[in-house]
PDB file of N, CA and C in Angstrom:
ATOM      1  N   MET A   1      15.433  23.589  14.802  1.00  0.00           N
ATOM      2  CA  MET A   1      14.908  22.282  14.447  1.00  0.00           C
ATOM      3  C   MET A   1      16.099  21.342  14.214  1.00  0.00           C
ATOM      4  N   SER A   2      16.024  20.185  14.775  1.00  0.00           N
ATOM      5  CA  SER A   2      17.131  19.245  14.641  1.00  0.00           C
ATOM      6  C   SER A   2      17.118  18.581  13.260  1.00  0.00           C
ATOM      7  N   ILE A   3      18.203  17.920  12.944  1.00  0.00           N
ATOM      8  CA  ILE A   3      18.332  17.252  11.647  1.00  0.00           C
ATOM      9  C   ILE A   3      17.315  16.123  11.533  1.00  0.00           C
ATOM     10  N   LEU A   4      17.088  15.405  12.635  1.00  0.00           N
ATOM     11  CA  LEU A   4      16.123  14.297  12.631  1.00  0.00           C
ATOM     12  C   LEU A   4      14.718  14.804  12.343  1.00  0.00           C
ATOM     13  N   GLN A   5      14.345  15.918  12.955  1.00  0.00           N
ATOM     14  CA  GLN A   5      13.018  16.487  12.723  1.00  0.00           C
ATOM     15  C   GLN A   5      12.858  16.951  11.278  1.00  0.00           C
ATOM     16  N   GLU A   6      13.909  17.488  10.693  1.00  0.00           N
ATOM     17  CA  GLU A   6      13.852  17.926   9.304  1.00  0.00           C
ATOM     18  C   GLU A   6      13.652  16.744   8.359  1.00  0.00           C
ATOM     19  N   LYS A   7      14.360  15.637   8.626  1.00  0.00           N
ATOM     20  CA  LYS A   7      14.208  14.439   7.798  1.00  0.00           C
ATOM     21  C   LYS A   7      12.805  13.874   7.910  1.00  0.00           C
ATOM     22  N   GLN A   8      12.256  13.851   9.133  1.00  0.00           N
ATOM     23  CA  GLN A   8      10.902  13.347   9.319  1.00  0.00           C
ATOM     24  C   GLN A   8       9.893  14.232   8.597  1.00  0.00           C
ATOM     25  N   ARG A   9      10.112  15.529   8.635  1.00  0.00           N
ATOM     26  CA  ARG A   9       9.202  16.450   7.961  1.00  0.00           C
ATOM     27  C   ARG A   9       9.248  16.261   6.447  1.00  0.00           C
ATOM     28  N   LYS A  10      10.449  16.070   5.896  1.00  0.00           N
ATOM     29  CA  LYS A  10      10.581  15.837   4.459  1.00  0.00           C
ATOM     30  C   LYS A  10       9.880  14.549   4.059  1.00  0.00           C
ATOM     31  N   ARG A  11      10.022  13.505   4.906  1.00  0.00           N
ATOM     32  CA  ARG A  11       9.363  12.234   4.626  1.00  0.00           C
ATOM     33  C   ARG A  11       7.845  12.390   4.644  1.00  0.00           C
ATOM     34  N   GLN A  12       7.327  13.150   5.602  1.00  0.00           N
ATOM     35  CA  GLN A  12       5.891  13.381   5.685  1.00  0.00           C
ATOM     36  C   GLN A  12       5.390  14.174   4.483  1.00  0.00           C
ATOM     37  N   ASP A  13       6.155  15.167   4.048  1.00  0.00           N
ATOM     38  CA  ASP A  13       5.776  15.951   2.877  1.00  0.00           C
ATOM     39  C   ASP A  13       5.734  15.080   1.627  1.00  0.00           C
ATOM     40  N   LEU A  14       6.716  14.183   1.482  1.00  0.00           N
ATOM     41  CA  LEU A  14       6.753  13.281   0.337  1.00  0.00           C
ATOM     42  C   LEU A  14       5.569  12.324   0.366  1.00  0.00           C
ATOM     43  N   ALA A  15       5.262  11.774   1.546  1.00  0.00           N
ATOM     44  CA  ALA A  15       4.139  10.853   1.674  1.00  0.00           C
ATOM     45  C   ALA A  15       2.814  11.556   1.383  1.00  0.00           C
ATOM     46  N   SER A  16       2.648  12.774   1.854  1.00  0.00           N
ATOM     47  CA  SER A  16       1.404  13.499   1.594  1.00  0.00           C
ATOM     48  C   SER A  16       1.277  13.853   0.112  1.00  0.00           C
ATOM     49  N   ALA A  17       2.393  14.132  -0.550  1.00  0.00           N
ATOM     50  CA  ALA A  17       2.356  14.420  -1.985  1.00  0.00           C
ATOM     51  C   ALA A  17       1.965  13.170  -2.772  1.00  0.00           C
ATOM     52  N   LEU A  18       2.512  12.018  -2.386  1.00  0.00           N
ATOM     53  CA  LEU A  18       2.139  10.759  -3.052  1.00  0.00           C
ATOM     54  C   LEU A  18       0.668  10.442  -2.806  1.00  0.00           C
ATOM     55  N   TYR A  19       0.201  10.661  -1.582  1.00  0.00           N
ATOM     56  CA  TYR A  19      -1.189  10.381  -1.241  1.00  0.00           C
ATOM     57  C   TYR A  19      -2.134  11.301  -2.011  1.00  0.00           C
ATOM     58  N   ALA A  20      -1.744  12.539  -2.187  1.00  0.00           N
ATOM     59  CA  ALA A  20      -2.583  13.504  -2.911  1.00  0.00           C
ATOM     60  C   ALA A  20      -2.679  13.172  -4.392  1.00  0.00           C
ATOM     61  N   SER A  21      -1.652  12.535  -4.948  1.00  0.00           N
ATOM     62  CA  SER A  21      -1.656  12.227  -6.372  1.00  0.00           C
ATOM     63  C   SER A  21      -2.392  10.930  -6.706  1.00  0.00           C
ATOM     64  N   MET A  22      -2.867  10.211  -5.703  1.00  0.00           N
ATOM     65  CA  MET A  22      -3.575   8.947  -5.941  1.00  0.00           C
ATOM     66  C   MET A  22      -5.021   9.192  -6.361  1.00  0.00           C
ATOM     67  N   THR A  23      -5.562   8.236  -7.117  1.00  0.00           N
ATOM     68  CA  THR A  23      -6.989   8.278  -7.440  1.00  0.00           C
ATOM     69  C   THR A  23      -7.762   7.735  -6.242  1.00  0.00           C
ATOM     70  N   ASN A  24      -9.078   7.868  -6.290  1.00  0.00           N
ATOM     71  CA  ASN A  24      -9.907   7.389  -5.173  1.00  0.00           C
ATOM     72  C   ASN A  24      -9.766   5.884  -4.974  1.00  0.00           C
ATOM     73  N   GLU A  25      -9.721   5.132  -6.070  1.00  0.00           N
ATOM     74  CA  GLU A  25      -9.596   3.673  -5.961  1.00  0.00           C
ATOM     75  C   GLU A  25      -8.264   3.278  -5.335  1.00  0.00           C
ATOM     76  N   GLU A  26      -7.201   3.972  -5.728  1.00  0.00           N
ATOM     77  CA  GLU A  26      -5.877   3.685  -5.162  1.00  0.00           C
ATOM     78  C   GLU A  26      -5.846   4.007  -3.674  1.00  0.00           C
ATOM     79  N   ARG A  27      -6.504   5.109  -3.280  1.00  0.00           N
ATOM     80  CA  ARG A  27      -6.571   5.460  -1.858  1.00  0.00           C
ATOM     81  C   ARG A  27      -7.299   4.390  -1.061  1.00  0.00           C
ATOM     82  N   VAL A  28      -8.397   3.896  -1.599  1.00  0.00           N
ATOM     83  CA  VAL A  28      -9.172   2.860  -0.909  1.00  0.00           C
ATOM     84  C   VAL A  28      -8.329   1.608  -0.725  1.00  0.00           C
ATOM     85  N   ILE A  29      -7.653   1.184  -1.786  1.00  0.00           N
ATOM     86  CA  ILE A  29      -6.807  -0.017  -1.726  1.00  0.00           C
ATOM     87  C   ILE A  29      -5.657   0.195  -0.743  1.00  0.00           C
ATOM     88  N   TYR A  30      -5.005   1.344  -0.808  1.00  0.00           N
ATOM     89  CA  TYR A  30      -3.889   1.637   0.095  1.00  0.00           C
ATOM     90  C   TYR A  30      -4.347   1.668   1.551  1.00  0.00           C
ATOM     91  N   ASN A  31      -5.496   2.268   1.810  1.00  0.00           N
ATOM     92  CA  ASN A  31      -6.001   2.341   3.182  1.00  0.00           C
ATOM     93  C   ASN A  31      -6.351   0.966   3.736  1.00  0.00           C
ATOM     94  N   ILE A  32      -6.870   0.087   2.886  1.00  0.00           N
ATOM     95  CA  ILE A  32      -7.171  -1.282   3.327  1.00  0.00           C
ATOM     96  C   ILE A  32      -5.884  -2.013   3.695  1.00  0.00           C
ATOM     97  N   ILE A  33      -4.876  -1.916   2.827  1.00  0.00           N
ATOM     98  CA  ILE A  33      -3.596  -2.593   3.083  1.00  0.00           C
ATOM     99  C   ILE A  33      -2.914  -1.991   4.302  1.00  0.00           C
ATOM    100  N   ARG A  34      -2.932  -0.681   4.398  1.00  0.00           N
ATOM    101  CA  ARG A  34      -2.290  -0.004   5.521  1.00  0.00           C
ATOM    102  C   ARG A  34      -3.011  -0.274   6.841  1.00  0.00           C
ATOM    103  N   GLY A  35      -4.307  -0.462   6.781  1.00  0.00           N
ATOM    104  CA  GLY A  35      -5.086  -0.747   7.977  1.00  0.00           C
ATOM    105  C   GLY A  35      -4.777  -2.095   8.603  1.00  0.00           C
ATOM    106  N   LYS A  36      -4.236  -3.005   7.809  1.00  0.00           N
ATOM    107  CA  LYS A  36      -3.879  -4.327   8.325  1.00  0.00           C
ATOM    108  C   LYS A  36      -2.587  -4.314   9.130  1.00  0.00           C
ATOM    109  N   LYS A  37      -1.816  -3.245   9.007  1.00  0.00           N
ATOM    110  CA  LYS A  37      -0.527  -3.057   9.691  1.00  0.00           C
ATOM    111  C   LYS A  37       0.419  -4.211   9.419  1.00  0.00           C
ATOM    112  N   GLU A  38       0.817  -4.976  10.443  1.00  0.00           N
ATOM    113  CA  GLU A  38       1.801  -6.042  10.236  1.00  0.00           C
ATOM    114  C   GLU A  38       1.196  -7.283   9.582  1.00  0.00           C
ATOM    115  N   ILE A  39      -0.105  -7.374   9.559  1.00  0.00           N
ATOM    116  CA  ILE A  39      -0.773  -8.537   8.973  1.00  0.00           C
ATOM    117  C   ILE A  39      -0.820  -8.356   7.456  1.00  0.00           C
ATOM    118  N   ARG A  40      -0.489  -9.403   6.741  1.00  0.00           N
ATOM    119  CA  ARG A  40      -0.530  -9.338   5.278  1.00  0.00           C
ATOM    120  C   ARG A  40      -1.961  -9.593   4.800  1.00  0.00           C
ATOM    121  N   ILE A  41      -2.271  -9.084   3.613  1.00  0.00           N
ATOM    122  CA  ILE A  41      -3.604  -9.287   3.045  1.00  0.00           C
ATOM    123  C   ILE A  41      -3.460  -9.814   1.626  1.00  0.00           C
ATOM    124  N   TRP A  42      -4.308 -10.753   1.285  1.00  0.00           N
ATOM    125  CA  TRP A  42      -4.304 -11.375  -0.025  1.00  0.00           C
ATOM    126  C   TRP A  42      -5.046 -10.488  -1.017  1.00  0.00           C
ATOM    127  N   GLN A  43      -4.626 -10.525  -2.259  1.00  0.00           N
ATOM    128  CA  GLN A  43      -5.238  -9.705  -3.309  1.00  0.00           C
ATOM    129  C   GLN A  43      -6.723 -10.039  -3.479  1.00  0.00           C
ATOM    130  N   GLY A  44      -7.092 -11.286  -3.332  1.00  0.00           N
ATOM    131  CA  GLY A  44      -8.501 -11.687  -3.435  1.00  0.00           C
ATOM    132  C   GLY A  44      -9.363 -11.086  -2.342  1.00  0.00           C
ATOM    133  N   ASP A  45      -8.793 -10.939  -1.145  1.00  0.00           N
ATOM    134  CA  ASP A  45      -9.535 -10.308  -0.046  1.00  0.00           C
ATOM    135  C   ASP A  45      -9.772  -8.829  -0.308  1.00  0.00           C
ATOM    136  N   ILE A  46      -8.784  -8.179  -0.902  1.00  0.00           N
ATOM    137  CA  ILE A  46      -8.956  -6.765  -1.257  1.00  0.00           C
ATOM    138  C   ILE A  46     -10.052  -6.621  -2.310  1.00  0.00           C
ATOM    139  N   GLU A  47     -10.057  -7.535  -3.274  1.00  0.00           N
ATOM    140  CA  GLU A  47     -11.062  -7.500  -4.341  1.00  0.00           C
ATOM    141  C   GLU A  47     -12.466  -7.659  -3.759  1.00  0.00           C
ATOM    142  N   ARG A  48     -12.624  -8.556  -2.789  1.00  0.00           N
ATOM    143  CA  ARG A  48     -13.928  -8.748  -2.158  1.00  0.00           C
ATOM    144  C   ARG A  48     -14.360  -7.531  -1.346  1.00  0.00           C
ATOM    145  N   GLU A  49     -13.419  -6.884  -0.675  1.00  0.00           N
ATOM    146  CA  GLU A  49     -13.757  -5.727   0.157  1.00  0.00           C
ATOM    147  C   GLU A  49     -14.083  -4.487  -0.664  1.00  0.00           C
ATOM    148  N   THR A  50     -13.410  -4.307  -1.802  1.00  0.00           N
ATOM    149  CA  THR A  50     -13.568  -3.068  -2.563  1.00  0.00           C
ATOM    150  C   THR A  50     -14.568  -3.164  -3.705  1.00  0.00           C
ATOM    151  N   ASN A  51     -14.751  -4.338  -4.277  1.00  0.00           N
ATOM    152  CA  ASN A  51     -15.631  -4.535  -5.438  1.00  0.00           C
ATOM    153  C   ASN A  51     -15.190  -3.715  -6.650  1.00  0.00           C
ATOM    154  N   ILE A  52     -13.870  -3.549  -6.837  1.00  0.00           N
ATOM    155  CA  ILE A  52     -13.338  -2.877  -8.028  1.00  0.00           C
ATOM    156  C   ILE A  52     -12.287  -3.776  -8.672  1.00  0.00           C
ATOM    157  N   PRO A  53     -12.689  -4.906  -9.264  1.00  0.00           N
ATOM    158  CA  PRO A  53     -11.699  -5.859  -9.778  1.00  0.00           C
ATOM    159  C   PRO A  53     -10.925  -5.387 -11.006  1.00  0.00           C
ATOM    160  N   ASN A  54     -11.513  -4.530 -11.846  1.00  0.00           N
ATOM    161  CA  ASN A  54     -10.849  -4.128 -13.095  1.00  0.00           C
ATOM    162  C   ASN A  54      -9.614  -3.268 -12.860  1.00  0.00           C
ATOM    163  N   ILE A  55      -9.652  -2.412 -11.874  1.00  0.00           N
ATOM    164  CA  ILE A  55      -8.569  -1.469 -11.627  1.00  0.00           C
ATOM    165  C   ILE A  55      -7.605  -2.002 -10.567  1.00  0.00           C
ATOM    166  N   LEU A  56      -7.947  -3.071  -9.911  1.00  0.00           N
ATOM    167  CA  LEU A  56      -7.189  -3.564  -8.764  1.00  0.00           C
ATOM    168  C   LEU A  56      -5.733  -3.873  -9.108  1.00  0.00           C
ATOM    169  N   LYS A  57      -5.501  -4.659 -10.138  1.00  0.00           N
ATOM    170  CA  LYS A  57      -4.127  -5.051 -10.484  1.00  0.00           C
ATOM    171  C   LYS A  57      -3.281  -3.847 -10.886  1.00  0.00           C
ATOM    172  N   LYS A  58      -3.872  -2.943 -11.655  1.00  0.00           N
ATOM    173  CA  LYS A  58      -3.154  -1.746 -12.090  1.00  0.00           C
ATOM    174  C   LYS A  58      -2.809  -0.862 -10.893  1.00  0.00           C
ATOM    175  N   SER A  59      -3.742  -0.716  -9.973  1.00  0.00           N
ATOM    176  CA  SER A  59      -3.512   0.116  -8.798  1.00  0.00           C
ATOM    177  C   SER A  59      -2.448  -0.491  -7.896  1.00  0.00           C
ATOM    178  N   ILE A  60      -2.468  -1.809  -7.745  1.00  0.00           N
ATOM    179  CA  ILE A  60      -1.478  -2.479  -6.913  1.00  0.00           C
ATOM    180  C   ILE A  60      -0.078  -2.317  -7.509  1.00  0.00           C
ATOM    181  N   LYS A  61       0.048  -2.466  -8.825  1.00  0.00           N
ATOM    182  CA  LYS A  61       1.344  -2.276  -9.475  1.00  0.00           C
ATOM    183  C   LYS A  61       1.849  -0.847  -9.281  1.00  0.00           C
ATOM    184  N   LEU A  62       0.953   0.116  -9.366  1.00  0.00           N
ATOM    185  CA  LEU A  62       1.339   1.512  -9.183  1.00  0.00           C
ATOM    186  C   LEU A  62       1.803   1.770  -7.749  1.00  0.00           C
ATOM    187  N   LEU A  63       1.083   1.220  -6.767  1.00  0.00           N
ATOM    188  CA  LEU A  63       1.464   1.404  -5.365  1.00  0.00           C
ATOM    189  C   LEU A  63       2.798   0.720  -5.055  1.00  0.00           C
ATOM    190  N   ILE A  64       3.055  -0.421  -5.696  1.00  0.00           N
ATOM    191  CA  ILE A  64       4.344  -1.106  -5.513  1.00  0.00           C
ATOM    192  C   ILE A  64       5.460  -0.272  -6.126  1.00  0.00           C
ATOM    193  N   SER A  65       5.224   0.292  -7.296  1.00  0.00           N
ATOM    194  CA  SER A  65       6.260   1.097  -7.946  1.00  0.00           C
ATOM    195  C   SER A  65       6.578   2.364  -7.153  1.00  0.00           C
ATOM    196  N   ARG A  66       5.615   2.869  -6.402  1.00  0.00           N
ATOM    197  CA  ARG A  66       5.840   4.048  -5.557  1.00  0.00           C
ATOM    198  C   ARG A  66       6.377   3.659  -4.173  1.00  0.00           C
ATOM    199  N   THR A  67       6.626   2.399  -3.974  1.00  0.00           N
ATOM    200  CA  THR A  67       7.146   1.816  -2.728  1.00  0.00           C
ATOM    201  C   THR A  67       6.266   2.113  -1.511  1.00  0.00           C
ATOM    202  N   LEU A  68       4.958   2.202  -1.716  1.00  0.00           N
ATOM    203  CA  LEU A  68       4.038   2.363  -0.597  1.00  0.00           C
ATOM    204  C   LEU A  68       3.618   1.011  -0.039  1.00  0.00           C
ATOM    205  N   ILE A  69       3.595  -0.013  -0.904  1.00  0.00           N
ATOM    206  CA  ILE A  69       3.295  -1.369  -0.476  1.00  0.00           C
ATOM    207  C   ILE A  69       4.338  -2.306  -1.071  1.00  0.00           C
ATOM    208  N   LYS A  70       4.374  -3.540  -0.576  1.00  0.00           N
ATOM    209  CA  LYS A  70       5.297  -4.533  -1.125  1.00  0.00           C
ATOM    210  C   LYS A  70       4.626  -5.894  -1.144  1.00  0.00           C
ATOM    211  N   GLU A  71       5.073  -6.731  -2.083  1.00  0.00           N
ATOM    212  CA  GLU A  71       4.598  -8.106  -2.156  1.00  0.00           C
ATOM    213  C   GLU A  71       5.461  -8.976  -1.260  1.00  0.00           C
ATOM    214  N   VAL A  72       4.804  -9.845  -0.509  1.00  0.00           N
ATOM    215  CA  VAL A  72       5.503 -10.732   0.403  1.00  0.00           C
ATOM    216  C   VAL A  72       5.077 -12.156   0.077  1.00  0.00           C
ATOM    217  N   VAL A  73       6.012 -13.089   0.167  1.00  0.00           N
ATOM    218  CA  VAL A  73       5.708 -14.493  -0.111  1.00  0.00           C
ATOM    219  C   VAL A  73       4.984 -15.093   1.092  1.00  0.00           C
ATOM    220  N   ASN A  74       3.897 -15.789   0.809  1.00  0.00           N
ATOM    221  CA  ASN A  74       3.155 -16.483   1.850  1.00  0.00           C
ATOM    222  C   ASN A  74       3.866 -17.803   2.169  1.00  0.00           C
ATOM    223  N   ILE A  75       4.104 -18.076   3.421  1.00  0.00           N
ATOM    224  CA  ILE A  75       4.851 -19.270   3.809  1.00  0.00           C
ATOM    225  C   ILE A  75       4.044 -20.538   3.545  1.00  0.00           C
ATOM    226  N   GLN A  76       2.748 -20.520   3.849  1.00  0.00           N
ATOM    227  CA  GLN A  76       1.917 -21.713   3.661  1.00  0.00           C
ATOM    228  C   GLN A  76       1.653 -22.022   2.196  1.00  0.00           C
ATOM    229  N   ASN A  77       1.522 -20.992   1.379  1.00  0.00           N
ATOM    230  CA  ASN A  77       1.191 -21.180  -0.029  1.00  0.00           C
ATOM    231  C   ASN A  77       2.081 -20.247  -0.858  1.00  0.00           C
ATOM    232  N   LYS A  78       3.130 -20.789  -1.443  1.00  0.00           N
ATOM    233  CA  LYS A  78       4.117 -19.967  -2.151  1.00  0.00           C
ATOM    234  C   LYS A  78       3.558 -19.266  -3.384  1.00  0.00           C
ATOM    235  N   SER A  79       2.515 -19.821  -4.003  1.00  0.00           N
ATOM    236  CA  SER A  79       1.967 -19.212  -5.213  1.00  0.00           C
ATOM    237  C   SER A  79       0.986 -18.092  -4.908  1.00  0.00           C
ATOM    238  N   LYS A  80       0.577 -17.943  -3.662  1.00  0.00           N
ATOM    239  CA  LYS A  80      -0.386 -16.921  -3.268  1.00  0.00           C
ATOM    240  C   LYS A  80       0.362 -15.636  -2.903  1.00  0.00           C
ATOM    241  N   LYS A  81       0.118 -14.563  -3.636  1.00  0.00           N
ATOM    242  CA  LYS A  81       0.787 -13.295  -3.376  1.00  0.00           C
ATOM    243  C   LYS A  81       0.006 -12.514  -2.325  1.00  0.00           C
ATOM    244  N   VAL A  82       0.708 -12.068  -1.310  1.00  0.00           N
ATOM    245  CA  VAL A  82       0.083 -11.236  -0.287  1.00  0.00           C
ATOM    246  C   VAL A  82       0.777  -9.885  -0.278  1.00  0.00           C
ATOM    247  N   LEU A  83       0.064  -8.872   0.176  1.00  0.00           N
ATOM    248  CA  LEU A  83       0.557  -7.501   0.143  1.00  0.00           C
ATOM    249  C   LEU A  83       0.669  -6.958   1.553  1.00  0.00           C
ATOM    250  N   MET A  84       1.593  -6.019   1.715  1.00  0.00           N
ATOM    251  CA  MET A  84       1.842  -5.436   3.018  1.00  0.00           C
ATOM    252  C   MET A  84       2.301  -3.999   2.821  1.00  0.00           C
ATOM    253  N   ALA A  85       1.874  -3.107   3.711  1.00  0.00           N
ATOM    254  CA  ALA A  85       2.305  -1.709   3.625  1.00  0.00           C
ATOM    255  C   ALA A  85       3.753  -1.583   4.077  1.00  0.00           C
ATOM    256  N   THR A  86       4.478  -0.685   3.454  1.00  0.00           N
ATOM    257  CA  THR A  86       5.876  -0.509   3.847  1.00  0.00           C
ATOM    258  C   THR A  86       5.985   0.383   5.079  1.00  0.00           C
ATOM    259  N   LYS A  87       5.053   1.310   5.256  1.00  0.00           N
ATOM    260  CA  LYS A  87       5.040   2.187   6.435  1.00  0.00           C
ATOM    261  C   LYS A  87       3.654   2.143   7.050  1.00  0.00           C
ATOM    262  N   PHE A  88       3.613   2.070   8.352  1.00  0.00           N
ATOM    263  CA  PHE A  88       2.313   2.005   9.031  1.00  0.00           C
ATOM    264  C   PHE A  88       1.961   3.371   9.504  1.00  0.00           C
TER     265      PHE A  88
END
């Protein structure tokens, strides 16, 4: 096995471990953000799609701290926070 394949395997193992440790709500939010791929999604749109407003902010902060998603500045509206997956 080459060095590149070993690194990719370690990355996949780490990602699967992070995914396994998520709650159901976090998985739903992550899958919505990840499903958008290069397109950013606004936090309000996620709230409308999931109908879990109480846990949304906490779950987003947790996903950001695990570096699975990131906040990106919206060019048209600087005060509007949009989210994007770090890996597709």
